PDB file of N, CA and C in Angstrom:
ATOM      1  N   MET A   1      -1.396 -36.150 -25.124  1.00  0.00           N
ATOM      2  CA  MET A   1      -1.908 -35.491 -23.911  1.00  0.00           C
ATOM      3  C   MET A   1      -1.843 -33.971 -24.101  1.00  0.00           C
ATOM      4  N   ASP A   2      -2.941 -33.326 -23.864  1.00  0.00           N
ATOM      5  CA  ASP A   2      -3.031 -31.881 -24.044  1.00  0.00           C
ATOM      6  C   ASP A   2      -2.452 -31.213 -22.798  1.00  0.00           C
ATOM      7  N   ARG A   3      -1.766 -30.068 -23.024  1.00  0.00           N
ATOM      8  CA  ARG A   3      -1.239 -29.317 -21.952  1.00  0.00           C
ATOM      9  C   ARG A   3      -1.898 -27.955 -21.881  1.00  0.00           C
ATOM     10  N   LEU A   4      -2.178 -27.479 -20.715  1.00  0.00           N
ATOM     11  CA  LEU A   4      -2.791 -26.182 -20.517  1.00  0.00           C
ATOM     12  C   LEU A   4      -1.703 -25.093 -20.708  1.00  0.00           C
ATOM     13  N   VAL A   5      -1.982 -24.148 -21.603  1.00  0.00           N
ATOM     14  CA  VAL A   5      -1.045 -23.060 -21.845  1.00  0.00           C
ATOM     15  C   VAL A   5      -1.614 -21.801 -21.167  1.00  0.00           C
ATOM     16  N   LYS A   6      -0.825 -21.172 -20.395  1.00  0.00           N
ATOM     17  CA  LYS A   6      -1.230 -19.968 -19.692  1.00  0.00           C
ATOM     18  C   LYS A   6      -0.579 -18.742 -20.294  1.00  0.00           C
ATOM     19  N   PRO A   7      -1.155 -17.554 -20.090  1.00  0.00           N
ATOM     20  CA  PRO A   7      -0.531 -16.319 -20.613  1.00  0.00           C
ATOM     21  C   PRO A   7       0.907 -16.204 -20.120  1.00  0.00           C
ATOM     22  N   GLY A   8       1.788 -15.918 -21.023  1.00  0.00           N
ATOM     23  CA  GLY A   8       3.200 -15.787 -20.671  1.00  0.00           C
ATOM     24  C   GLY A   8       4.026 -17.039 -20.985  1.00  0.00           C
ATOM     25  N   ASP A   9       3.280 -18.196 -21.241  1.00  0.00           N
ATOM     26  CA  ASP A   9       3.929 -19.416 -21.640  1.00  0.00           C
ATOM     27  C   ASP A   9       4.580 -19.224 -23.038  1.00  0.00           C
ATOM     28  N   ASP A  10       5.684 -19.823 -23.257  1.00  0.00           N
ATOM     29  CA  ASP A  10       6.336 -19.780 -24.566  1.00  0.00           C
ATOM     30  C   ASP A  10       5.963 -21.140 -25.264  1.00  0.00           C
ATOM     31  N   VAL A  11       5.168 -21.025 -26.332  1.00  0.00           N
ATOM     32  CA  VAL A  11       4.715 -22.286 -27.006  1.00  0.00           C
ATOM     33  C   VAL A  11       5.576 -22.469 -28.239  1.00  0.00           C
ATOM     34  N   ARG A  12       6.271 -23.567 -28.305  1.00  0.00           N
ATOM     35  CA  ARG A  12       7.180 -23.861 -29.415  1.00  0.00           C
ATOM     36  C   ARG A  12       6.466 -24.781 -30.432  1.00  0.00           C
ATOM     37  N   GLU A  13       7.036 -24.915 -31.570  1.00  0.00           N
ATOM     38  CA  GLU A  13       6.458 -25.808 -32.565  1.00  0.00           C
ATOM     39  C   GLU A  13       6.337 -27.203 -31.992  1.00  0.00           C
ATOM     40  N   GLY A  14       5.272 -27.858 -32.387  1.00  0.00           N
ATOM     41  CA  GLY A  14       5.106 -29.205 -31.898  1.00  0.00           C
ATOM     42  C   GLY A  14       4.163 -29.237 -30.701  1.00  0.00           C
ATOM     43  N   GLY A  15       3.636 -28.065 -30.312  1.00  0.00           N
ATOM     44  CA  GLY A  15       2.710 -28.007 -29.174  1.00  0.00           C
ATOM     45  C   GLY A  15       3.327 -28.178 -27.813  1.00  0.00           C
ATOM     46  N   GLU A  16       4.667 -28.070 -27.722  1.00  0.00           N
ATOM     47  CA  GLU A  16       5.307 -28.275 -26.445  1.00  0.00           C
ATOM     48  C   GLU A  16       5.354 -26.924 -25.673  1.00  0.00           C
ATOM     49  N   ALA A  17       4.747 -26.891 -24.514  1.00  0.00           N
ATOM     50  CA  ALA A  17       4.700 -25.652 -23.735  1.00  0.00           C
ATOM     51  C   ALA A  17       5.962 -25.540 -22.894  1.00  0.00           C
ATOM     52  N   VAL A  18       6.578 -24.414 -22.940  1.00  0.00           N
ATOM     53  CA  VAL A  18       7.805 -24.170 -22.172  1.00  0.00           C
ATOM     54  C   VAL A  18       7.610 -22.927 -21.300  1.00  0.00           C
ATOM     55  N   LEU A  19       7.743 -23.061 -20.007  1.00  0.00           N
ATOM     56  CA  LEU A  19       7.627 -21.917 -19.122  1.00  0.00           C
ATOM     57  C   LEU A  19       8.963 -21.246 -18.974  1.00  0.00           C
ATOM     58  N   GLU A  20       8.980 -19.923 -19.122  1.00  0.00           N
ATOM     59  CA  GLU A  20      10.189 -19.224 -18.887  1.00  0.00           C
ATOM     60  C   GLU A  20      10.143 -18.585 -17.507  1.00  0.00           C
ATOM     61  N   CYS A  21      11.201 -18.705 -16.807  1.00  0.00           N
ATOM     62  CA  CYS A  21      11.258 -18.169 -15.442  1.00  0.00           C
ATOM     63  C   CYS A  21      12.272 -17.057 -15.452  1.00  0.00           C
ATOM     64  N   ALA A  22      11.868 -15.866 -15.099  1.00  0.00           N
ATOM     65  CA  ALA A  22      12.740 -14.705 -15.033  1.00  0.00           C
ATOM     66  C   ALA A  22      13.235 -14.565 -13.630  1.00  0.00           C
ATOM     67  N   LEU A  23      14.514 -14.339 -13.470  1.00  0.00           N
ATOM     68  CA  LEU A  23      15.093 -14.117 -12.175  1.00  0.00           C
ATOM     69  C   LEU A  23      15.103 -12.587 -11.897  1.00  0.00           C
ATOM     70  N   MET A  24      14.857 -12.202 -10.740  1.00  0.00           N
ATOM     71  CA  MET A  24      14.768 -10.755 -10.396  1.00  0.00           C
ATOM     72  C   MET A  24      16.176 -10.341  -9.925  1.00  0.00           C
ATOM     73  N   ASP A  25      16.602  -9.170 -10.457  1.00  0.00           N
ATOM     74  CA  ASP A  25      17.893  -8.618 -10.053  1.00  0.00           C
ATOM     75  C   ASP A  25      17.633  -7.740  -8.822  1.00  0.00           C
ATOM     76  N   THR A  26      18.113  -8.201  -7.659  1.00  0.00           N
ATOM     77  CA  THR A  26      17.818  -7.445  -6.448  1.00  0.00           C
ATOM     78  C   THR A  26      18.593  -6.138  -6.350  1.00  0.00           C
ATOM     79  N   ASP A  27      19.605  -5.942  -7.231  1.00  0.00           N
ATOM     80  CA  ASP A  27      20.360  -4.688  -7.228  1.00  0.00           C
ATOM     81  C   ASP A  27      19.475  -3.508  -7.685  1.00  0.00           C
ATOM     82  N   ASP A  28      18.452  -3.847  -8.449  1.00  0.00           N
ATOM     83  CA  ASP A  28      17.516  -2.786  -8.948  1.00  0.00           C
ATOM     84  C   ASP A  28      16.486  -2.366  -7.943  1.00  0.00           C
ATOM     85  N   LEU A  29      16.389  -3.121  -6.855  1.00  0.00           N
ATOM     86  CA  LEU A  29      15.387  -2.844  -5.858  1.00  0.00           C
ATOM     87  C   LEU A  29      15.821  -1.649  -4.982  1.00  0.00           C
ATOM     88  N   ALA A  30      14.934  -0.800  -4.738  1.00  0.00           N
ATOM     89  CA  ALA A  30      15.257   0.321  -3.796  1.00  0.00           C
ATOM     90  C   ALA A  30      15.213  -0.219  -2.382  1.00  0.00           C
ATOM     91  N   PRO A  31      16.048   0.351  -1.520  1.00  0.00           N
ATOM     92  CA  PRO A  31      16.061  -0.086  -0.099  1.00  0.00           C
ATOM     93  C   PRO A  31      14.656   0.209   0.504  1.00  0.00           C
ATOM     94  N   PRO A  32      14.274  -0.529   1.492  1.00  0.00           N
ATOM     95  CA  PRO A  32      12.960  -0.268   2.098  1.00  0.00           C
ATOM     96  C   PRO A  32      12.935   1.195   2.620  1.00  0.00           C
ATOM     97  N   PRO A  33      11.759   1.793   2.483  1.00  0.00           N
ATOM     98  CA  PRO A  33      11.702   3.175   2.944  1.00  0.00           C
ATOM     99  C   PRO A  33      11.867   3.277   4.461  1.00  0.00           C
ATOM    100  N   LYS A  34      12.627   4.286   4.844  1.00  0.00           N
ATOM    101  CA  LYS A  34      12.842   4.498   6.263  1.00  0.00           C
ATOM    102  C   LYS A  34      11.641   5.104   6.907  1.00  0.00           C
ATOM    103  N   LYS A  35      11.461   4.825   8.183  1.00  0.00           N
ATOM    104  CA  LYS A  35      10.357   5.430   8.891  1.00  0.00           C
ATOM    105  C   LYS A  35      10.597   6.920   8.950  1.00  0.00           C
ATOM    106  N   PRO A  36       9.644   7.716   8.428  1.00  0.00           N
ATOM    107  CA  PRO A  36       9.906   9.142   8.427  1.00  0.00           C
ATOM    108  C   PRO A  36      10.073   9.708   9.852  1.00  0.00           C
ATOM    109  N   LYS A  37      11.075  10.512  10.019  1.00  0.00           N
ATOM    110  CA  LYS A  37      11.288  11.174  11.310  1.00  0.00           C
ATOM    111  C   LYS A  37      10.632  12.545  11.207  1.00  0.00           C
ATOM    112  N   SER A  38       9.342  12.551  11.330  1.00  0.00           N
ATOM    113  CA  SER A  38       8.670  13.842  11.225  1.00  0.00           C
ATOM    114  C   SER A  38       8.271  14.295  12.600  1.00  0.00           C
ATOM    115  N   TYR A  39       8.505  15.514  12.802  1.00  0.00           N
ATOM    116  CA  TYR A  39       8.064  16.166  14.066  1.00  0.00           C
ATOM    117  C   TYR A  39       7.455  17.496  13.702  1.00  0.00           C
ATOM    118  N   GLU A  40       6.322  17.744  14.275  1.00  0.00           N
ATOM    119  CA  GLU A  40       5.654  18.983  14.057  1.00  0.00           C
ATOM    120  C   GLU A  40       5.579  19.738  15.364  1.00  0.00           C
ATOM    121  N   LEU A  41       5.915  20.994  15.299  1.00  0.00           N
ATOM    122  CA  LEU A  41       5.874  21.824  16.544  1.00  0.00           C
ATOM    123  C   LEU A  41       4.482  21.685  17.171  1.00  0.00           C
ATOM    124  N   GLY A  42       4.431  21.473  18.459  1.00  0.00           N
ATOM    125  CA  GLY A  42       3.192  21.336  19.151  1.00  0.00           C
ATOM    126  C   GLY A  42       2.668  19.905  19.171  1.00  0.00           C
ATOM    127  N   GLN A  43       3.327  18.994  18.562  1.00  0.00           N
ATOM    128  CA  GLN A  43       2.903  17.626  18.443  1.00  0.00           C
ATOM    129  C   GLN A  43       2.730  17.013  19.863  1.00  0.00           C
ATOM    130  N   ASP A  44       1.807  16.084  19.983  1.00  0.00           N
ATOM    131  CA  ASP A  44       1.562  15.360  21.217  1.00  0.00           C
ATOM    132  C   ASP A  44       2.767  14.450  21.470  1.00  0.00           C
ATOM    133  N   LEU A  45       3.440  14.658  22.553  1.00  0.00           N
ATOM    134  CA  LEU A  45       4.638  13.915  22.891  1.00  0.00           C
ATOM    135  C   LEU A  45       4.355  12.756  23.800  1.00  0.00           C
ATOM    136  N   SER A  46       3.145  12.642  24.317  1.00  0.00           N
ATOM    137  CA  SER A  46       2.811  11.616  25.335  1.00  0.00           C
ATOM    138  C   SER A  46       2.962  10.188  24.798  1.00  0.00           C
ATOM    139  N   LYS A  47       2.926  10.007  23.481  1.00  0.00           N
ATOM    140  CA  LYS A  47       2.981   8.661  22.936  1.00  0.00           C
ATOM    141  C   LYS A  47       4.391   8.264  22.601  1.00  0.00           C
ATOM    142  N   LEU A  48       5.401   9.135  22.766  1.00  0.00           N
ATOM    143  CA  LEU A  48       6.796   8.840  22.501  1.00  0.00           C
ATOM    144  C   LEU A  48       7.419   8.184  23.724  1.00  0.00           C
ATOM    145  N   SER A  49       8.277   7.238  23.494  1.00  0.00           N
ATOM    146  CA  SER A  49       9.000   6.558  24.581  1.00  0.00           C
ATOM    147  C   SER A  49      10.098   7.458  25.098  1.00  0.00           C
ATOM    148  N   VAL A  50      10.707   7.076  26.220  1.00  0.00           N
ATOM    149  CA  VAL A  50      11.824   7.833  26.745  1.00  0.00           C
ATOM    150  C   VAL A  50      12.943   7.930  25.738  1.00  0.00           C
ATOM    151  N   ASP A  51      13.249   6.783  25.082  1.00  0.00           N
ATOM    152  CA  ASP A  51      14.337   6.759  24.100  1.00  0.00           C
ATOM    153  C   ASP A  51      13.969   7.618  22.904  1.00  0.00           C
ATOM    154  N   ASP A  52      12.753   7.600  22.443  1.00  0.00           N
ATOM    155  CA  ASP A  52      12.263   8.463  21.345  1.00  0.00           C
ATOM    156  C   ASP A  52      12.370   9.914  21.688  1.00  0.00           C
ATOM    157  N   LEU A  53      12.049  10.246  22.971  1.00  0.00           N
ATOM    158  CA  LEU A  53      12.115  11.627  23.366  1.00  0.00           C
ATOM    159  C   LEU A  53      13.606  12.115  23.410  1.00  0.00           C
ATOM    160  N   LYS A  54      14.491  11.257  23.855  1.00  0.00           N
ATOM    161  CA  LYS A  54      15.933  11.610  23.902  1.00  0.00           C
ATOM    162  C   LYS A  54      16.445  11.818  22.486  1.00  0.00           C
ATOM    163  N   ALA A  55      16.034  10.912  21.531  1.00  0.00           N
ATOM    164  CA  ALA A  55      16.422  11.008  20.161  1.00  0.00           C
ATOM    165  C   ALA A  55      15.889  12.340  19.535  1.00  0.00           C
ATOM    166  N   LEU A  56      14.680  12.639  19.913  1.00  0.00           N
ATOM    167  CA  LEU A  56      14.071  13.873  19.376  1.00  0.00           C
ATOM    168  C   LEU A  56      14.814  15.063  19.905  1.00  0.00           C
ATOM    169  N   ILE A  57      15.179  15.096  21.160  1.00  0.00           N
ATOM    170  CA  ILE A  57      15.959  16.205  21.714  1.00  0.00           C
ATOM    171  C   ILE A  57      17.281  16.363  20.994  1.00  0.00           C
ATOM    172  N   ASP A  58      17.954  15.238  20.748  1.00  0.00           N
ATOM    173  CA  ASP A  58      19.226  15.259  20.050  1.00  0.00           C
ATOM    174  C   ASP A  58      19.050  15.790  18.605  1.00  0.00           C
ATOM    175  N   ASP A  59      18.023  15.342  17.965  1.00  0.00           N
ATOM    176  CA  ASP A  59      17.757  15.793  16.578  1.00  0.00           C
ATOM    177  C   ASP A  59      17.435  17.252  16.563  1.00  0.00           C
ATOM    178  N   LEU A  60      16.635  17.721  17.528  1.00  0.00           N
ATOM    179  CA  LEU A  60      16.276  19.151  17.543  1.00  0.00           C
ATOM    180  C   LEU A  60      17.499  20.021  17.844  1.00  0.00           C
ATOM    181  N   LYS A  61      18.399  19.558  18.779  1.00  0.00           N
ATOM    182  CA  LYS A  61      19.582  20.312  19.060  1.00  0.00           C
ATOM    183  C   LYS A  61      20.460  20.452  17.788  1.00  0.00           C
ATOM    184  N   THR A  62      20.579  19.331  17.087  1.00  0.00           N
ATOM    185  CA  THR A  62      21.352  19.360  15.830  1.00  0.00           C
ATOM    186  C   THR A  62      20.720  20.342  14.826  1.00  0.00           C
ATOM    187  N   GLU A  63      19.402  20.264  14.735  1.00  0.00           N
ATOM    188  CA  GLU A  63      18.708  21.201  13.785  1.00  0.00           C
ATOM    189  C   GLU A  63      18.834  22.613  14.220  1.00  0.00           C
ATOM    190  N   ILE A  64      18.809  22.893  15.500  1.00  0.00           N
ATOM    191  CA  ILE A  64      18.915  24.299  16.018  1.00  0.00           C
ATOM    192  C   ILE A  64      20.316  24.783  15.653  1.00  0.00           C
ATOM    193  N   ALA A  65      21.333  23.964  15.820  1.00  0.00           N
ATOM    194  CA  ALA A  65      22.701  24.389  15.456  1.00  0.00           C
ATOM    195  C   ALA A  65      22.846  24.677  13.973  1.00  0.00           C
ATOM    196  N   ARG A  66      22.179  23.870  13.138  1.00  0.00           N
ATOM    197  CA  ARG A  66      22.211  24.033  11.708  1.00  0.00           C
ATOM    198  C   ARG A  66      21.493  25.378  11.310  1.00  0.00           C
ATOM    199  N   VAL A  67      20.401  25.629  11.963  1.00  0.00           N
ATOM    200  CA  VAL A  67      19.626  26.886  11.673  1.00  0.00           C
ATOM    201  C   VAL A  67      20.439  28.096  12.146  1.00  0.00           C
ATOM    202  N   GLU A  68      21.009  27.980  13.326  1.00  0.00           N
ATOM    203  CA  GLU A  68      21.798  29.094  13.848  1.00  0.00           C
ATOM    204  C   GLU A  68      23.035  29.389  12.937  1.00  0.00           C
ATOM    205  N   ALA A  69      23.685  28.352  12.411  1.00  0.00           N
ATOM    206  CA  ALA A  69      24.801  28.546  11.491  1.00  0.00           C
ATOM    207  C   ALA A  69      24.371  29.216  10.216  1.00  0.00           C
ATOM    208  N   MET A  70      23.241  28.860   9.686  1.00  0.00           N
ATOM    209  CA  MET A  70      22.742  29.514   8.495  1.00  0.00           C
ATOM    210  C   MET A  70      22.310  30.930   8.772  1.00  0.00           C
ATOM    211  N   HIS A  71      21.712  31.156   9.935  1.00  0.00           N
ATOM    212  CA  HIS A  71      21.322  32.551  10.329  1.00  0.00           C
ATOM    213  C   HIS A  71      22.583  33.422  10.424  1.00  0.00           C
ATOM    214  N   ALA A  72      23.645  32.912  11.032  1.00  0.00           N
ATOM    215  CA  ALA A  72      24.897  33.698  11.203  1.00  0.00           C
ATOM    216  C   ALA A  72      25.469  34.002   9.848  1.00  0.00           C
ATOM    217  N   ALA A  73      25.483  33.051   8.916  1.00  0.00           N
ATOM    218  CA  ALA A  73      26.036  33.230   7.602  1.00  0.00           C
ATOM    219  C   ALA A  73      25.236  34.270   6.831  1.00  0.00           C
ATOM    220  N   LYS A  74      23.951  34.209   6.919  1.00  0.00           N
ATOM    221  CA  LYS A  74      23.122  35.198   6.197  1.00  0.00           C
ATOM    222  C   LYS A  74      23.229  36.554   6.830  1.00  0.00           C
ATOM    223  N   GLN A  75      23.340  36.601   8.149  1.00  0.00           N
ATOM    224  CA  GLN A  75      23.485  37.881   8.842  1.00  0.00           C
ATOM    225  C   GLN A  75      24.789  38.520   8.446  1.00  0.00           C
ATOM    226  N   SER A  76      25.875  37.733   8.298  1.00  0.00           N
ATOM    227  CA  SER A  76      27.165  38.233   7.879  1.00  0.00           C
ATOM    228  C   SER A  76      27.075  38.797   6.487  1.00  0.00           C
ATOM    229  N   SER A  77      26.419  38.093   5.584  1.00  0.00           N
ATOM    230  CA  SER A  77      26.253  38.548   4.181  1.00  0.00           C
ATOM    231  C   SER A  77      25.453  39.837   4.194  1.00  0.00           C
ATOM    232  N   LYS A  78      24.401  39.922   4.940  1.00  0.00           N
ATOM    233  CA  LYS A  78      23.539  41.085   5.007  1.00  0.00           C
ATOM    234  C   LYS A  78      24.340  42.285   5.522  1.00  0.00           C
ATOM    235  N   SER A  79      25.126  42.061   6.552  1.00  0.00           N
ATOM    236  CA  SER A  79      25.923  43.112   7.105  1.00  0.00           C
ATOM    237  C   SER A  79      26.939  43.656   6.106  1.00  0.00           C
ATOM    238  N   ALA A  80      27.578  42.721   5.399  1.00  0.00           N
ATOM    239  CA  ALA A  80      28.582  43.105   4.397  1.00  0.00           C
ATOM    240  C   ALA A  80      27.923  43.901   3.269  1.00  0.00           C
ATOM    241  N   ALA A  81      26.772  43.484   2.833  1.00  0.00           N
ATOM    242  CA  ALA A  81      26.051  44.185   1.767  1.00  0.00           C
ATOM    243  C   ALA A  81      25.642  45.593   2.280  1.00  0.00           C
ATOM    244  N   GLU A  82      25.198  45.692   3.451  1.00  0.00           N
ATOM    245  CA  GLU A  82      24.785  47.002   3.990  1.00  0.00           C
ATOM    246  C   GLU A  82      26.001  47.924   4.114  1.00  0.00           C
ATOM    247  N   ALA A  83      27.131  47.345   4.472  1.00  0.00           N
ATOM    248  CA  ALA A  83      28.338  48.218   4.584  1.00  0.00           C
ATOM    249  C   ALA A  83      28.762  48.735   3.183  1.00  0.00           C
ATOM    250  N   VAL A  84      28.552  47.917   2.182  1.00  0.00           N
ATOM    251  CA  VAL A  84      28.975  48.347   0.809  1.00  0.00           C
ATOM    252  C   VAL A  84      28.068  49.435   0.301  1.00  0.00           C
ATOM    253  N   PHE A  85      26.751  49.330   0.547  1.00  0.00           N
ATOM    254  CA  PHE A  85      25.818  50.293   0.005  1.00  0.00           C
ATOM    255  C   PHE A  85      25.677  51.535   0.886  1.00  0.00           C
ATOM    256  N   LYS A  86      26.211  51.599   2.069  1.00  0.00           N
ATOM    257  CA  LYS A  86      26.188  52.754   2.874  1.00  0.00           C
ATOM    258  C   LYS A  86      27.217  53.810   2.490  1.00  0.00           C
ATOM    259  N   ARG A  87      28.165  53.412   1.646  1.00  0.00           N
ATOM    260  CA  ARG A  87      29.243  54.342   1.271  1.00  0.00           C
ATOM    261  C   ARG A  87      28.768  55.435   0.440  1.00  0.00           C
TER     262      ARG A  87
END
């Protein structure tokens, strides 16, 4: 009896077709991509839910605090540099 051999089949001596099955290692898979939290200034907010708007407010407050902290640090560095070079 003839057997159909497909690409990827391992054909051994004697005409016996052997299929090899490879198991996939799930540790190598990247986690599913997260939904991007993108917000653009001036974006239409009418399509966001109440919960989405609250989350956006919280995210923006956190980002404002981060920007203000960086601004203060850079301002401090700038002031220190100006004090050194004014001597």
